Protein backbone atom coordinates (compact mmCIF):
# COMPACT_ATOMS: atom_id res chain seq x y z
CA UNK A 1 3.64 8.41 -1.70
CA UNK A 2 4.19 11.25 -3.34
CA UNK A 3 4.38 13.69 -5.92
CA UNK A 4 6.76 11.42 -7.09
CA UNK A 5 4.25 9.95 -9.65
CA UNK A 6 2.70 12.42 -10.76
CA UNK A 7 3.30 13.93 -14.90
CA UNK A 8 5.75 15.20 -15.72
CA UNK A 9 5.96 19.05 -16.19
CA UNK A 10 6.97 22.80 -16.59
CA UNK A 11 6.22 22.81 -11.72
CA UNK A 12 10.54 22.43 -11.78
CA UNK A 13 11.33 25.61 -13.35
CA UNK A 14 15.18 24.82 -15.15
CA UNK A 15 16.96 26.76 -18.41
CA UNK A 16 19.13 24.44 -18.52
CA UNK A 17 16.91 20.74 -19.11
CA UNK A 18 19.52 18.48 -20.78
CA UNK A 19 18.55 15.82 -23.89
CA UNK A 20 16.60 13.35 -23.20
CA UNK A 21 18.58 9.49 -23.24
CA UNK A 22 16.68 7.50 -26.00
CA UNK A 23 17.96 4.52 -23.53
CA UNK A 24 16.42 6.34 -20.67
CA UNK A 25 13.20 6.99 -23.04
CA UNK A 26 12.36 3.58 -23.35
CA UNK A 27 13.29 2.42 -20.21
CA UNK A 28 10.23 5.33 -19.01
CA UNK A 29 7.87 4.34 -21.74
CA UNK A 30 8.28 0.34 -20.70
CA UNK A 31 8.17 0.88 -16.90
CA UNK A 32 5.80 3.59 -16.82
CA UNK A 33 3.59 2.17 -19.28
CA UNK A 34 3.37 -1.99 -18.71
CA UNK A 35 5.49 -3.00 -15.60
CA UNK A 36 3.65 -0.27 -12.77
CA UNK A 37 0.34 -0.40 -14.72
CA UNK A 38 0.46 -4.00 -14.85
CA UNK A 39 2.07 -4.53 -10.68
CA UNK A 40 -0.24 -2.32 -9.59
CA UNK A 41 -3.42 -3.84 -11.32
CA UNK A 42 -1.96 -7.20 -9.65
CA UNK A 43 -2.75 -5.19 -6.48
CA UNK A 44 -5.98 -4.04 -7.27
CA UNK A 45 -7.24 -7.58 -8.00
CA UNK A 46 -5.21 -8.86 -4.56
CA UNK A 47 -6.58 -6.01 -2.28
CA UNK A 48 -9.68 -6.74 -3.48
CA UNK A 49 -9.30 -10.38 -2.05
CA UNK A 50 -7.63 -9.03 0.60
CA UNK A 51 -10.65 -7.27 1.40
CA UNK A 52 -12.63 -10.21 0.96
CA UNK A 53 -11.06 -12.00 2.85
CA UNK A 54 -10.00 -9.63 6.00
CA UNK A 55 -13.61 -8.88 6.09
CA UNK A 56 -14.33 -12.64 7.13
CA UNK A 57 -16.46 -13.39 10.16
CA UNK A 58 -13.09 -15.22 11.23
CA UNK A 59 -11.37 -12.88 10.77
CA UNK A 60 -12.55 -11.76 14.66
CA UNK A 61 -9.37 -10.94 15.83
CA UNK A 62 -8.06 -6.99 15.88
CA UNK A 63 -5.56 -6.97 14.02
CA UNK A 64 -7.42 -8.12 11.27
CA UNK A 65 -9.30 -5.16 11.04
CA UNK A 66 -6.06 -2.77 11.39
CA UNK A 67 -5.15 -5.23 8.22
CA UNK A 68 -8.47 -4.50 6.70
CA UNK A 69 -7.98 -0.66 6.48
CA UNK A 70 -4.42 -1.09 4.72
CA UNK A 71 -6.19 -3.42 2.54
CA UNK A 72 -8.89 -0.40 1.45
CA UNK A 73 -6.12 2.38 1.06
CA UNK A 74 -3.73 0.15 -0.07
CA UNK A 75 -6.77 -0.58 -3.18
CA UNK A 76 -7.05 3.50 -3.66
CA UNK A 77 -3.95 4.09 -3.93
CA UNK A 78 -2.45 1.27 -6.54
CA UNK A 79 -6.06 2.50 -8.59
CA UNK A 80 -4.67 5.63 -8.76
CA UNK A 81 -1.24 5.03 -9.56
CA UNK A 82 -2.47 2.37 -12.59
CA UNK A 83 -3.69 5.33 -14.51
CA UNK A 84 -1.17 8.26 -13.54
CA UNK A 85 1.70 5.53 -14.61
CA UNK A 86 -0.23 4.37 -17.76
CA UNK A 87 -0.51 7.98 -19.07
CA UNK A 88 2.29 8.72 -18.34
CA UNK A 89 3.84 5.70 -19.96
CA UNK A 90 2.07 6.28 -23.14
CA UNK A 91 2.94 10.20 -23.25
CA UNK A 92 -0.62 11.28 -23.12
CA UNK A 93 -0.57 15.28 -22.32
CA UNK A 94 -4.11 16.36 -22.33
CA UNK A 95 -5.68 19.28 -20.41
CA UNK A 96 -8.45 16.21 -19.17
CA UNK A 97 -5.50 14.24 -17.84
CA UNK A 98 -4.16 16.81 -16.03
CA UNK A 99 -6.84 17.85 -14.59
CA UNK A 100 -7.29 14.12 -13.81
CA UNK A 101 -3.73 14.24 -12.70
CA UNK A 102 -3.36 17.43 -10.49
CA UNK A 103 -6.82 17.70 -8.38
CA UNK A 104 -7.95 13.29 -8.87
CA UNK A 105 -5.28 11.16 -8.85
CA UNK A 106 -2.39 13.42 -6.74
CA UNK A 107 -4.30 14.22 -3.71
CA UNK A 108 -5.80 11.28 -3.09
CA UNK A 109 -2.79 8.48 -3.68
CA UNK A 110 -0.96 10.85 -1.55
CA UNK A 111 -4.20 10.72 0.82
CA UNK A 112 -4.77 6.87 1.12
CA UNK A 113 -0.88 5.84 0.88
CA UNK A 114 -0.40 8.01 4.24
CA UNK A 115 -3.28 6.86 5.71
CA UNK A 116 -1.32 3.34 5.02
CA UNK A 117 1.37 4.16 6.85
CA UNK A 118 -0.58 5.79 10.22
CA UNK A 119 -1.88 2.11 10.27
CA UNK A 120 1.52 0.25 9.94
CA UNK A 121 2.02 2.29 12.54
CA UNK A 122 -0.76 1.28 14.58
CA UNK A 123 -0.45 -2.60 13.53
CA UNK A 124 3.22 -2.75 14.67
CA UNK A 125 2.03 -1.07 17.80
CA UNK A 126 -1.02 -3.83 18.37
CA UNK A 127 1.68 -5.98 17.43
CA UNK A 128 4.18 -5.04 20.28
CA UNK A 129 1.62 -4.13 23.20
CA UNK A 130 -0.37 -7.80 22.41
CA UNK A 131 3.44 -9.99 22.43
CA UNK A 132 5.29 -7.97 25.01
CA UNK A 133 2.41 -7.17 27.69
CA UNK A 134 -0.76 -8.82 26.68
CA UNK A 135 -2.99 -7.88 29.95
CA UNK A 136 -2.59 -4.19 28.82
CA UNK A 137 -3.70 -5.10 25.25
CA UNK A 138 -6.73 -6.99 26.15
CA UNK A 139 -8.12 -3.44 27.09
CA UNK A 140 -7.96 -2.06 24.68
CA UNK A 141 -7.76 -4.76 21.69
CA UNK A 142 -10.97 -4.47 21.04
CA UNK A 143 -12.57 -4.39 17.39
CA UNK A 144 -14.64 -0.77 18.32
CA UNK A 145 -11.63 0.62 19.42
CA UNK A 146 -9.70 -0.26 16.55
CA UNK A 147 -12.46 1.13 14.04
CA UNK A 148 -12.27 4.04 15.95
CA UNK A 149 -8.26 4.65 14.78
CA UNK A 150 -8.67 3.72 11.51
CA UNK A 151 -11.71 6.36 10.93
CA UNK A 152 -9.49 8.56 12.95
CA UNK A 153 -6.35 7.93 11.03
CA UNK A 154 -8.27 8.15 7.97
CA UNK A 155 -10.11 11.27 8.51
CA UNK A 156 -6.90 12.81 10.25
CA UNK A 157 -5.10 12.53 6.63
CA UNK A 158 -7.46 13.69 4.77
CA UNK A 159 -7.21 17.33 6.85
CA UNK A 160 -3.58 16.84 6.65
CA UNK A 161 -3.42 16.49 2.86
CA UNK A 162 -5.61 19.54 1.85
CA UNK A 163 -3.30 21.80 1.09
CA UNK A 164 -1.94 19.91 -1.66
CA UNK A 165 -5.32 20.55 -3.91
CA UNK A 166 -4.33 24.27 -3.78
CA UNK A 167 -0.89 23.64 -5.39
CA UNK A 168 -0.64 22.79 -8.48
CA UNK A 169 -2.74 24.94 -11.36
CA UNK A 170 -3.63 23.62 -14.97
CA UNK A 171 -2.34 26.03 -17.30
CA UNK A 172 -5.66 25.60 -20.21
CA UNK A 173 -3.79 27.57 -22.59
CA UNK A 174 -0.98 26.22 -22.62
CA UNK A 175 -2.15 22.66 -20.80
CA UNK A 176 0.55 22.32 -19.01
CA UNK A 177 0.89 22.82 -14.70
CA UNK A 178 2.30 25.98 -13.25
CA UNK A 179 3.44 25.66 -9.56
CA UNK A 180 0.23 28.13 -7.64
CA UNK A 181 1.89 31.04 -5.57
CA UNK A 182 1.22 28.67 -2.19
CA UNK A 183 3.24 25.62 -3.83
CA UNK A 184 6.75 28.56 -4.01
CA UNK A 185 6.02 29.99 -0.51
CA UNK A 186 7.93 28.53 2.52
CA UNK A 187 4.96 28.01 4.08
CA UNK A 188 4.39 25.15 1.98
CA UNK A 189 7.75 24.04 1.62
CA UNK A 190 7.96 23.97 5.97
CA UNK A 191 4.53 22.00 5.26
CA UNK A 192 6.56 19.81 3.40
CA UNK A 193 9.75 19.24 5.31
CA UNK A 194 6.26 18.25 8.28
CA UNK A 195 4.94 15.70 6.01
CA UNK A 196 8.02 13.99 5.44
CA UNK A 197 8.88 14.09 9.14
CA UNK A 198 5.31 12.50 10.48
CA UNK A 199 4.51 10.14 7.11
CA UNK A 200 8.40 8.91 6.49
CA UNK A 201 10.87 9.88 8.80
CA UNK A 202 9.58 9.16 12.05
CA UNK A 203 7.33 6.07 10.99
CA UNK A 204 10.29 4.41 9.78
CA UNK A 205 12.16 4.76 12.55
CA UNK A 206 9.77 3.85 15.31
CA UNK A 207 9.16 0.71 12.26
CA UNK A 208 12.79 0.29 12.92
CA UNK A 209 12.45 0.04 16.67
CA UNK A 210 9.81 -1.85 17.28
CA UNK A 211 10.45 -3.99 14.93
CA UNK A 212 13.57 -5.24 16.70
CA UNK A 213 12.22 -5.27 19.49
CA UNK A 214 9.49 -7.77 17.86
CA UNK A 215 12.17 -9.75 16.11
CA UNK A 216 13.40 -10.41 20.03
CA UNK A 217 10.03 -11.67 20.86
CA UNK A 218 9.72 -14.32 18.18
CA UNK A 219 12.81 -15.63 19.37
CA UNK A 220 11.63 -16.00 22.15
CA UNK A 221 8.31 -17.25 21.61
CA UNK A 222 10.04 -20.01 19.74
CA UNK A 223 12.03 -20.69 22.48
CA UNK A 224 9.00 -21.40 24.59
CA UNK A 225 7.25 -23.25 21.58
CA UNK A 226 9.84 -25.62 22.16
CA UNK A 227 9.70 -26.02 25.40
CA UNK A 228 5.60 -26.55 25.39
CA UNK A 229 6.51 -29.52 22.22
CA UNK A 230 8.72 -31.41 24.84
CA UNK A 231 6.25 -31.50 27.63
CA UNK A 232 3.84 -31.94 24.98
CA UNK A 233 1.15 -29.21 25.01
CA UNK A 234 -0.25 -28.92 21.96
CA UNK A 235 -3.10 -26.23 21.82
CA UNK A 236 -0.40 -24.23 23.69
CA UNK A 237 1.80 -25.12 20.91
CA UNK A 238 -0.70 -24.41 18.22
CA UNK A 239 -1.29 -21.15 19.44
CA UNK A 240 1.93 -19.66 19.92
CA UNK A 241 2.82 -20.98 16.03
CA UNK A 242 -0.31 -19.21 15.64
CA UNK A 243 0.98 -15.56 17.20
CA UNK A 244 4.68 -17.02 16.01
CA UNK A 245 3.04 -16.64 11.81
CA UNK A 246 0.98 -13.76 12.33
CA UNK A 247 3.34 -11.48 14.14
CA UNK A 248 6.35 -12.50 11.01
CA UNK A 249 3.76 -11.41 8.66
CA UNK A 250 3.55 -7.85 9.91
CA UNK A 251 7.11 -7.68 10.44
CA UNK A 252 7.51 -8.42 6.78
CA UNK A 253 4.41 -5.55 5.57
CA UNK A 254 6.53 -3.46 7.68
CA UNK A 255 9.80 -4.11 6.27
CA UNK A 256 8.24 -3.59 2.83
CA UNK A 257 7.55 0.17 4.04
CA UNK A 258 10.96 0.76 4.67
CA UNK A 259 12.16 -0.36 1.01
CA UNK A 260 9.31 1.19 -0.88
CA UNK A 261 7.79 3.82 1.38
CA UNK A 262 10.67 6.32 2.93
CA UNK A 263 12.73 6.43 -0.76
CA UNK A 264 9.23 7.82 -2.08
CA UNK A 265 8.94 10.13 0.75
CA UNK A 266 12.77 11.28 0.32
CA UNK A 267 12.49 11.95 -3.29
CA UNK A 268 9.54 13.74 -3.87
CA UNK A 269 10.55 16.63 -6.40
CA UNK A 270 9.91 19.21 -2.84
CA UNK A 271 12.07 17.97 -0.85
CA UNK A 272 14.61 15.43 -2.96
CA UNK A 273 15.03 20.07 -4.14
CA UNK A 274 16.00 20.36 -1.64
CA UNK A 275 17.84 17.06 0.69
CA UNK A 276 19.61 15.22 -2.58
CA UNK A 277 20.03 18.36 -4.53
CA UNK A 278 20.83 21.07 -2.50
CA UNK A 279 18.58 23.27 -4.28
CA UNK A 280 18.76 22.66 -8.20
CA UNK A 281 16.11 22.70 -9.48
CA UNK A 282 17.52 21.15 -12.60
CA UNK A 283 18.88 18.16 -11.07
CA UNK A 284 15.43 16.88 -11.14
CA UNK A 285 15.68 17.04 -14.57
CA UNK A 286 19.13 14.96 -14.82
CA UNK A 287 18.96 11.28 -15.56
CA UNK A 288 19.76 10.13 -12.14
CA UNK A 289 16.90 11.15 -11.11
CA UNK A 290 14.46 9.62 -13.92
CA UNK A 291 16.21 6.66 -12.81
CA UNK A 292 15.62 6.14 -9.67
CA UNK A 293 12.16 7.72 -9.62
CA UNK A 294 11.24 5.07 -11.99
CA UNK A 295 12.99 2.24 -9.30
CA UNK A 296 10.87 3.61 -6.59
CA UNK A 297 7.84 4.17 -8.44
CA UNK A 298 8.15 0.01 -9.24
CA UNK A 299 9.61 -0.55 -5.61
CA UNK A 300 6.71 1.09 -3.86
CA UNK A 301 3.97 -0.46 -6.58
CA UNK A 302 5.48 -4.07 -5.46
CA UNK A 303 4.55 -2.94 -1.50
CA UNK A 304 1.32 -2.56 -2.39
CA UNK A 305 0.61 -5.92 -4.21
CA UNK A 306 2.94 -8.15 -2.18
CA UNK A 307 0.96 -8.15 0.81
CA UNK A 308 -1.27 -10.93 -0.29
CA UNK A 309 1.67 -13.11 -0.91
CA UNK A 310 2.70 -13.38 2.31
CA UNK A 311 -0.77 -13.46 4.51
CA UNK A 312 -1.21 -16.07 1.60
CA UNK A 313 2.52 -17.56 2.53
CA UNK A 314 3.13 -16.62 6.23
CA UNK A 315 -0.30 -17.34 7.78
CA UNK A 316 -2.42 -19.99 7.88
CA UNK A 317 -5.51 -18.90 9.30
CA UNK A 318 -5.71 -16.04 5.86
CA UNK A 319 -4.83 -19.01 3.74
CA UNK A 320 -7.62 -22.32 5.86
CA UNK A 321 -10.72 -19.01 4.98
CA UNK A 322 -9.26 -17.77 1.11
CA UNK A 323 -9.20 -21.65 0.98
CA UNK A 324 -13.36 -21.94 2.20
CA UNK A 325 -14.28 -18.83 0.03
CA UNK A 326 -13.28 -21.11 -2.63
CA UNK A 327 -14.26 -24.04 -2.34
CA UNK A 328 -17.58 -22.32 -0.55
CA UNK A 329 -17.63 -20.37 -4.37
CA UNK A 330 -16.76 -23.39 -6.59
CA UNK A 331 -19.15 -26.14 -4.70
CA UNK A 332 -22.28 -22.88 -5.54
CA UNK A 333 -21.77 -23.39 -8.85
CA UNK A 334 -21.28 -26.62 -8.67
CA UNK A 335 -24.79 -26.90 -7.78
CA UNK A 336 -26.35 -24.66 -9.94
CA UNK A 337 -24.27 -26.17 -13.19
CA UNK A 338 -26.74 -29.08 -12.01
CA UNK A 339 -30.03 -27.60 -11.33
CA UNK A 340 -29.54 -25.83 -14.77
CA UNK A 341 -28.51 -29.43 -16.16
CA UNK A 342 -31.83 -31.12 -14.78
CA UNK A 343 -34.13 -27.58 -15.40
CA UNK A 344 -32.91 -28.66 -19.13
CA UNK A 345 -35.28 -31.31 -19.84
CA UNK A 346 -32.04 -33.34 -20.49
CA UNK A 347 -32.42 -36.98 -19.30
CA UNK A 348 -29.70 -37.65 -16.82
CA UNK A 349 -28.40 -41.67 -17.12
CA UNK A 350 -30.50 -43.20 -14.96
CA UNK A 351 -33.73 -41.93 -16.77
CA UNK A 352 -32.32 -43.00 -19.98
CA UNK A 353 -32.34 -46.45 -18.79
CA UNK A 354 -35.60 -46.81 -17.93
């Protein structure tokens, strides 16, 4: 997640801007004004459900502490992206909106998405230690440790992204966004490369390596589970099955990160100019860049939404807790309806017969 999602502005300087393709304009209107906000709203709802389920006492494993932090970060990112995409798709341009886009949406969304990136890395490491070195993992797999890691990730991400507050400014007279001197400096360029490495390239590499280890470990666990079934060790077989499903869930989530988050970092305005277009700023106005931006926006928003689907499909414990919550809510509603019925003075069938 980067300034790829900010409103189109004059930050990218080019004197030869190509004419807008009407089909592309319509696609951007539908994509940013309808599709992305709808996906973001779904992500907002599903991440709220994730937080309710993951914070239940039944979800006591350490891994669920990290997933709770990830759901909170995704909730903030989806909310920011929903408003940004909605205004961008509808073509609304006002001074108030630009202030929101530059000083609220962009820094907060970048910070929350980067927090989610670091938490995904922490999740993959935790799972790798638990699968490969369980005795070592038990020493560090404590909820208190996980909470400290999540807190450290949030604080470090906030501090690291403070420079984004000084990279752009809103010109009240022209009602436009302009790059600051700091944005054009070589220091900010170096900062962007460091950010791309820390929150894009390095996490993607680590996740790819650790996921390869986890996939191999899952295969070994399935072989062990088959032996347990033959030996009729049902309790251990059940435990192994739960761990396999949880590991597959986490592998799927981290793979979605590589599909959405890594391309978004590469296609962000500051990095795309140098990595993809060799310093040619006019390419930022090209149809290719705008089409790719739209596609990546949709992929990223899906990434923040689909975790709930993966939990429901692959994690039996998550689904069982969700069913318990829903059944408890339904039971309370039925009791409330009965109480209101009896207190209303309407006679019951038994009373009517007497």
